[in-house]
């Protein structure tokens, strides 16, 4: 059985609501030196985000759901801007608050 992007996001949100947290493995180096490839983060839902928070948010492009873990650098009423600590550029989208899964914090180093 194949699930579509919307079903995938709904399953993630249901799991987050049921358990109160999600654990995700970091892939890539955009958050070095704070998060390394292979680190595990705990994501907890939150209603308010501040500059400096590390968040997990999702984007949907074509047939892919991407979950991105980056740091909030700008906050407005309906969206935030984020950037990877190791990136020289700001993420190219305004992140709608509904696309944010929650705040992320490292719980385990490389597996």
N, C-alpha and C. Protein backbone atom coordinates (compact mmCIF):
# COMPACT_ATOMS: atom_id res chain seq x y z
N UNK A 1 0.84 -1.18 0.00
CA UNK A 1 0.00 0.00 0.00
C UNK A 1 0.89 1.24 0.00
N UNK A 2 0.62 2.16 -0.90
CA UNK A 2 1.34 3.42 -0.94
C UNK A 2 0.55 4.49 -0.22
N UNK A 3 1.25 5.36 0.48
CA UNK A 3 0.56 6.49 1.10
C UNK A 3 1.05 7.76 0.41
N UNK A 4 0.17 8.73 0.32
CA UNK A 4 0.57 9.98 -0.32
C UNK A 4 1.19 10.93 0.70
N UNK A 5 1.66 12.06 0.21
CA UNK A 5 2.36 13.02 1.07
C UNK A 5 1.51 13.49 2.24
N UNK A 6 0.26 13.79 1.96
CA UNK A 6 -0.63 14.28 3.02
C UNK A 6 -0.83 13.21 4.10
N UNK A 7 -1.00 11.95 3.67
CA UNK A 7 -1.15 10.86 4.64
C UNK A 7 0.12 10.70 5.48
N UNK A 8 1.27 10.86 4.85
CA UNK A 8 2.54 10.75 5.56
C UNK A 8 2.63 11.81 6.66
N UNK A 9 2.33 13.04 6.32
CA UNK A 9 2.37 14.13 7.30
C UNK A 9 1.36 13.89 8.41
N UNK A 10 0.15 13.46 8.04
CA UNK A 10 -0.87 13.19 9.06
C UNK A 10 -0.43 12.08 10.01
N UNK A 11 0.23 11.05 9.51
CA UNK A 11 0.74 9.98 10.37
C UNK A 11 1.80 10.51 11.34
N UNK A 12 2.69 11.36 10.84
CA UNK A 12 3.70 11.96 11.72
C UNK A 12 3.05 12.80 12.81
N UNK A 13 2.08 13.62 12.42
CA UNK A 13 1.41 14.47 13.40
C UNK A 13 0.62 13.65 14.42
N UNK A 14 -0.03 12.57 13.97
CA UNK A 14 -0.76 11.69 14.89
C UNK A 14 0.19 11.06 15.90
N UNK A 15 1.33 10.59 15.42
CA UNK A 15 2.33 9.98 16.30
C UNK A 15 2.85 11.01 17.31
N UNK A 16 3.09 12.22 16.84
CA UNK A 16 3.55 13.28 17.72
C UNK A 16 2.50 13.59 18.79
N UNK A 17 1.25 13.67 18.39
CA UNK A 17 0.17 13.94 19.35
C UNK A 17 -0.02 12.80 20.33
N UNK A 18 0.09 11.58 19.85
CA UNK A 18 -0.13 10.41 20.70
C UNK A 18 0.99 10.22 21.73
N UNK A 19 2.23 10.31 21.27
CA UNK A 19 3.38 10.05 22.15
C UNK A 19 3.96 11.31 22.78
N UNK A 20 3.61 12.47 22.23
CA UNK A 20 4.16 13.71 22.77
C UNK A 20 5.51 14.08 22.21
N UNK A 21 6.10 13.18 21.43
CA UNK A 21 7.40 13.46 20.82
C UNK A 21 7.66 12.51 19.66
N UNK A 22 8.55 12.94 18.80
CA UNK A 22 9.07 12.10 17.72
C UNK A 22 10.58 12.06 17.85
N UNK A 23 11.17 10.96 17.46
CA UNK A 23 12.62 10.90 17.39
C UNK A 23 13.01 10.78 15.93
N UNK A 24 13.91 11.66 15.51
CA UNK A 24 14.36 11.70 14.12
C UNK A 24 15.88 11.62 14.07
N UNK A 25 16.39 10.97 13.06
CA UNK A 25 17.83 10.90 12.84
C UNK A 25 18.24 11.98 11.86
N UNK A 26 19.27 12.72 12.21
CA UNK A 26 19.77 13.82 11.38
C UNK A 26 20.58 13.23 10.22
N UNK A 27 20.33 13.75 9.02
CA UNK A 27 21.11 13.38 7.83
C UNK A 27 21.65 14.66 7.22
N UNK A 28 22.94 14.73 7.08
CA UNK A 28 23.56 15.91 6.49
C UNK A 28 24.37 16.70 7.50
N UNK A 29 24.94 17.81 7.01
CA UNK A 29 25.83 18.59 7.86
C UNK A 29 25.40 20.04 8.00
N UNK A 30 24.16 20.36 7.69
CA UNK A 30 23.71 21.75 7.72
C UNK A 30 23.65 22.33 9.13
N UNK A 31 23.64 21.49 10.16
CA UNK A 31 23.55 22.00 11.53
C UNK A 31 24.84 21.80 12.32
N UNK A 32 25.95 21.48 11.63
CA UNK A 32 27.23 21.40 12.32
C UNK A 32 27.58 22.74 12.95
N UNK A 33 28.23 22.81 14.06
CA UNK A 33 28.76 21.70 14.85
C UNK A 33 27.78 21.19 15.91
N UNK A 34 26.57 21.75 15.95
CA UNK A 34 25.61 21.39 17.00
C UNK A 34 24.94 20.04 16.78
N UNK A 35 24.63 19.72 15.54
CA UNK A 35 24.05 18.43 15.21
C UNK A 35 24.86 17.81 14.08
N UNK A 36 25.28 16.58 14.29
CA UNK A 36 26.09 15.86 13.31
C UNK A 36 25.24 14.84 12.57
N UNK A 37 25.71 14.44 11.40
CA UNK A 37 25.07 13.37 10.65
C UNK A 37 24.98 12.13 11.55
N UNK A 38 23.79 11.58 11.70
CA UNK A 38 23.59 10.40 12.54
C UNK A 38 23.09 10.70 13.94
N UNK A 39 23.14 11.95 14.38
CA UNK A 39 22.59 12.30 15.69
C UNK A 39 21.08 12.07 15.70
N UNK A 40 20.55 11.82 16.87
CA UNK A 40 19.10 11.66 17.04
C UNK A 40 18.57 12.86 17.80
N UNK A 41 17.49 13.43 17.28
CA UNK A 41 16.84 14.55 17.96
C UNK A 41 15.45 14.14 18.41
N UNK A 42 15.03 14.74 19.51
CA UNK A 42 13.67 14.59 20.01
C UNK A 42 12.90 15.83 19.59
N UNK A 43 11.75 15.63 18.96
CA UNK A 43 10.90 16.74 18.52
C UNK A 43 9.65 16.73 19.37
N UNK A 44 9.36 17.86 20.01
CA UNK A 44 8.17 18.01 20.83
C UNK A 44 7.35 19.17 20.29
N UNK A 45 6.03 18.97 20.22
CA UNK A 45 5.18 20.03 19.69
C UNK A 45 5.23 21.25 20.61
N UNK A 46 5.00 22.40 20.03
CA UNK A 46 5.11 23.66 20.73
C UNK A 46 4.19 24.67 20.06
N UNK A 47 3.71 25.64 20.79
CA UNK A 47 2.81 26.64 20.23
C UNK A 47 3.51 27.97 19.96
N UNK A 48 4.73 28.12 20.46
CA UNK A 48 5.44 29.39 20.31
C UNK A 48 6.90 29.12 19.98
N UNK A 49 7.41 29.86 19.03
CA UNK A 49 8.80 29.69 18.61
C UNK A 49 9.53 31.02 18.72
N UNK A 50 10.79 30.94 19.14
CA UNK A 50 11.60 32.12 19.34
C UNK A 50 12.89 32.02 18.54
N UNK A 51 13.50 33.16 18.29
CA UNK A 51 14.79 33.17 17.62
C UNK A 51 15.75 32.32 18.45
N UNK A 52 16.47 31.44 17.78
CA UNK A 52 17.42 30.56 18.45
C UNK A 52 16.91 29.15 18.65
N UNK A 53 15.58 28.95 18.61
CA UNK A 53 15.03 27.60 18.74
C UNK A 53 15.44 26.75 17.54
N UNK A 54 15.69 25.48 17.78
CA UNK A 54 15.89 24.53 16.69
C UNK A 54 14.54 23.86 16.47
N UNK A 55 14.08 23.88 15.23
CA UNK A 55 12.76 23.32 14.90
C UNK A 55 12.88 22.23 13.85
N UNK A 56 11.87 21.39 13.80
CA UNK A 56 11.71 20.42 12.72
C UNK A 56 10.46 20.84 11.96
N UNK A 57 10.61 21.05 10.66
CA UNK A 57 9.48 21.41 9.83
C UNK A 57 9.49 20.58 8.56
N UNK A 58 8.38 20.56 7.87
CA UNK A 58 8.32 19.75 6.66
C UNK A 58 8.00 20.60 5.45
N UNK A 59 8.50 20.12 4.33
CA UNK A 59 8.16 20.68 3.03
C UNK A 59 7.72 19.52 2.14
N UNK A 60 6.88 19.82 1.19
CA UNK A 60 6.45 18.82 0.23
C UNK A 60 6.81 19.33 -1.15
N UNK A 61 7.59 18.54 -1.88
CA UNK A 61 7.96 18.90 -3.24
C UNK A 61 7.80 17.67 -4.12
N UNK A 62 7.09 17.87 -5.21
CA UNK A 62 6.80 16.78 -6.12
C UNK A 62 6.25 15.59 -5.34
N UNK A 63 6.98 14.49 -5.30
CA UNK A 63 6.50 13.30 -4.58
C UNK A 63 7.26 13.05 -3.29
N UNK A 64 7.89 14.09 -2.75
CA UNK A 64 8.72 13.91 -1.57
C UNK A 64 8.25 14.76 -0.40
N UNK A 65 8.32 14.16 0.78
CA UNK A 65 8.16 14.90 2.03
C UNK A 65 9.55 15.01 2.63
N UNK A 66 9.96 16.23 2.91
CA UNK A 66 11.26 16.47 3.53
C UNK A 66 11.06 17.06 4.91
N UNK A 67 11.75 16.51 5.88
CA UNK A 67 11.73 17.08 7.23
C UNK A 67 13.08 17.73 7.44
N UNK A 68 13.05 18.99 7.79
CA UNK A 68 14.26 19.78 7.94
C UNK A 68 14.39 20.23 9.39
N UNK A 69 15.58 20.10 9.93
CA UNK A 69 15.86 20.53 11.30
C UNK A 69 16.85 21.69 11.20
N UNK A 70 16.35 22.90 11.44
CA UNK A 70 17.16 24.12 11.37
C UNK A 70 16.80 25.07 12.49
N UNK A 71 17.58 26.13 12.62
CA UNK A 71 17.42 27.09 13.71
C UNK A 71 16.58 28.29 13.24
N UNK A 72 15.66 28.72 14.11
CA UNK A 72 14.82 29.89 13.82
C UNK A 72 15.69 31.15 13.92
N UNK A 73 15.60 31.98 12.87
CA UNK A 73 16.37 33.24 12.89
C UNK A 73 15.47 34.47 12.79
N UNK A 74 14.17 34.27 12.53
CA UNK A 74 13.25 35.39 12.35
C UNK A 74 11.85 34.89 12.65
N UNK A 75 11.08 35.65 13.43
CA UNK A 75 9.73 35.22 13.84
C UNK A 75 8.72 36.30 13.50
N UNK A 76 7.63 35.88 12.90
CA UNK A 76 6.47 36.72 12.66
C UNK A 76 5.24 35.98 13.16
N UNK A 77 4.10 36.65 13.12
CA UNK A 77 2.88 36.06 13.67
C UNK A 77 2.49 34.74 13.00
N UNK A 78 2.66 34.65 11.67
CA UNK A 78 2.18 33.46 10.95
C UNK A 78 3.28 32.61 10.33
N UNK A 79 4.54 33.06 10.44
CA UNK A 79 5.62 32.28 9.85
C UNK A 79 6.94 32.59 10.55
N UNK A 80 7.91 31.73 10.28
CA UNK A 80 9.28 31.95 10.76
C UNK A 80 10.23 31.75 9.57
N UNK A 81 11.44 32.25 9.72
CA UNK A 81 12.53 31.95 8.80
C UNK A 81 13.55 31.14 9.59
N UNK A 82 14.22 30.23 8.89
CA UNK A 82 15.20 29.37 9.57
C UNK A 82 16.45 29.25 8.71
N UNK A 83 17.50 28.72 9.35
CA UNK A 83 18.78 28.57 8.67
C UNK A 83 19.54 27.45 9.36
N UNK A 84 20.22 26.65 8.59
CA UNK A 84 21.13 25.67 9.16
C UNK A 84 22.34 26.38 9.73
N UNK A 85 22.80 25.98 10.90
CA UNK A 85 23.94 26.64 11.55
C UNK A 85 25.18 26.65 10.65
N UNK A 86 25.33 25.64 9.83
CA UNK A 86 26.51 25.50 8.97
C UNK A 86 26.26 26.03 7.55
N UNK A 87 25.08 26.56 7.30
CA UNK A 87 24.76 27.08 5.97
C UNK A 87 25.08 28.57 5.88
N UNK A 88 25.45 29.02 4.71
CA UNK A 88 25.72 30.44 4.50
C UNK A 88 24.48 31.18 4.00
N UNK A 89 23.37 30.47 3.87
CA UNK A 89 22.14 31.06 3.34
C UNK A 89 20.95 30.72 4.22
N UNK A 90 19.95 31.56 4.17
CA UNK A 90 18.69 31.34 4.89
C UNK A 90 17.84 30.37 4.07
N UNK A 91 17.08 29.51 4.73
CA UNK A 91 16.17 28.63 4.01
C UNK A 91 15.28 29.48 3.10
N UNK A 92 15.05 29.03 1.87
CA UNK A 92 14.41 29.89 0.86
C UNK A 92 12.90 30.03 0.96
N UNK A 93 12.30 29.61 2.06
CA UNK A 93 10.84 29.73 2.20
C UNK A 93 10.46 30.36 3.53
N UNK A 94 9.29 30.99 3.53
CA UNK A 94 8.67 31.39 4.79
C UNK A 94 8.00 30.12 5.32
N UNK A 95 8.35 29.74 6.54
CA UNK A 95 7.85 28.49 7.11
C UNK A 95 6.56 28.78 7.86
N UNK A 96 5.46 28.35 7.28
CA UNK A 96 4.15 28.50 7.91
C UNK A 96 4.15 27.75 9.23
N UNK A 97 3.58 28.33 10.26
CA UNK A 97 3.58 27.68 11.58
C UNK A 97 2.93 26.30 11.55
N UNK A 98 1.99 26.07 10.64
CA UNK A 98 1.35 24.76 10.51
C UNK A 98 2.29 23.70 9.95
N UNK A 99 3.40 24.12 9.33
CA UNK A 99 4.37 23.18 8.78
C UNK A 99 5.45 22.79 9.78
N UNK A 100 5.41 23.40 10.95
CA UNK A 100 6.41 23.08 11.97
C UNK A 100 5.89 21.93 12.83
N UNK A 101 6.68 20.87 12.92
CA UNK A 101 6.31 19.74 13.77
C UNK A 101 6.57 20.07 15.23
N UNK A 102 7.65 20.79 15.52
CA UNK A 102 7.94 21.16 16.89
C UNK A 102 9.39 21.55 17.08
N UNK A 103 9.74 21.78 18.34
CA UNK A 103 11.12 22.10 18.71
C UNK A 103 11.92 20.81 18.78
N UNK A 104 13.18 20.91 18.38
CA UNK A 104 14.04 19.72 18.36
C UNK A 104 15.22 19.93 19.30
N UNK A 105 15.62 18.86 19.95
CA UNK A 105 16.83 18.89 20.78
C UNK A 105 17.55 17.56 20.65
N UNK A 106 18.87 17.64 20.66
CA UNK A 106 19.70 16.45 20.51
C UNK A 106 19.55 15.57 21.74
N UNK A 107 19.36 14.27 21.49
CA UNK A 107 19.28 13.34 22.62
C UNK A 107 20.35 12.26 22.54
N UNK A 108 20.92 12.07 21.35
CA UNK A 108 21.91 11.01 21.20
C UNK A 108 22.87 11.39 20.08
N UNK A 109 24.16 11.10 20.30
CA UNK A 109 25.16 11.34 19.27
C UNK A 109 25.07 10.30 18.18
N UNK A 110 26.03 10.32 17.31
CA UNK A 110 26.04 9.42 16.15
C UNK A 110 25.83 7.98 16.57
N UNK A 111 25.04 7.29 15.75
CA UNK A 111 24.70 5.89 16.04
C UNK A 111 25.80 4.98 15.50
